Amino acid sequence: MQINSIHSAPKTLSKYAALAQSSEQPLVELKDISVIFSQKVALQHINLRIFPNSITTIVGPNGGGKSTLLKVLLKLLSPTKGSVTYRADLRVGYVPQKIHLDHSLPVTVERFLSLKKGIQKSDIQQALELLSISHLIKNSMQKLSGGEMQRVLIARAILNKPNLLVLDEPTQGVDINGQIELYQLIHQTQQKLNCAILMVSHDLHIVMADTNEVLCVNQHICCAGTPETVSNDPKFIHFFGDQFSKNIAFYTHHHNHNHNIHGDICCQNNHACAQHHHSTSPTNNDVNR
């Protein structure tokens, strides 16, 4: 199933569909990918292309193969069948769900970021400034809040100036206000770096405003398209429930302020606080994990 063939003769092409029909080479292309573990099918017949500057969100039930798909793309797992083609100039930044730190060996944010090969101090300073966490540079990694930790992990991922940023559930352990702020920050980072984003998320009702394409994965690509299209697909509703689908059908509100990492309003109506648009559900419902 080719995700760029999902739409049936739309009058206006989505950004992804326009890219798919252009001559631009994808950053990554997965062709007919299947992964089998001990005769158990994890993924089958996955076809996926990631284009420059696109934002693609992967959703699906637990055990559906979302993390396996990322591992194949990141060269952490070889597929049983199929091929993966990478553009010659591809630079990937990866944000894992979480990391495990030894509390008996404290390490500062600066030291943690400097462990990445080929990184200069100026690279660290630029990444921290971009994510508004320069004040954390001397803090212990073990004492960071959930939101602060996620920002540090994103900072590490962008140290090599990637043109593809891959995030695996980047808001785990972050409250709803912090989630909104993190997704805004990810979108701003994408715009500043001019990179593509591939993200696994359970928070479609939050990310949908800035997502070009959504893939619903359950061993195979069940449905794909714009967030509005996918949220109304019977297969999506089967996995996540009619109420969640209705919540994505939503309301849009306009921000004239930003939140800090704790979700508090930190500024209003000034040049540093551009107006943001994002979608959210009228209830604080998450997809069942």
Foldseek 3Di string as FASTA:
>chain_A
DAQLPFDDPDPDDFPVVVVVPDPAAFQKWWAQFWAADPNRTQAGGATDTHHFLAEEEEEEDPSQNPVVVVCCQVVVDPTPDTDMDGDPPFDEFEQEPDDDDDPVDWDALQRVLVVDPPFDPVLLCVLCVLLVNNVRRGPTLVPDALLVNLSSSVSSRCSVLGQEYEYEASQPRADPLLVLQVLVSVLSVCVVSSHYYYYYHQFCQWNLVRHRKYFYGRSYGPHMGRSLVLLPDPVNCVGFNPVVSVQSVFDKDKDQFHADNNNHTDDGDDPVRDIDITGHGPDPDTGDD
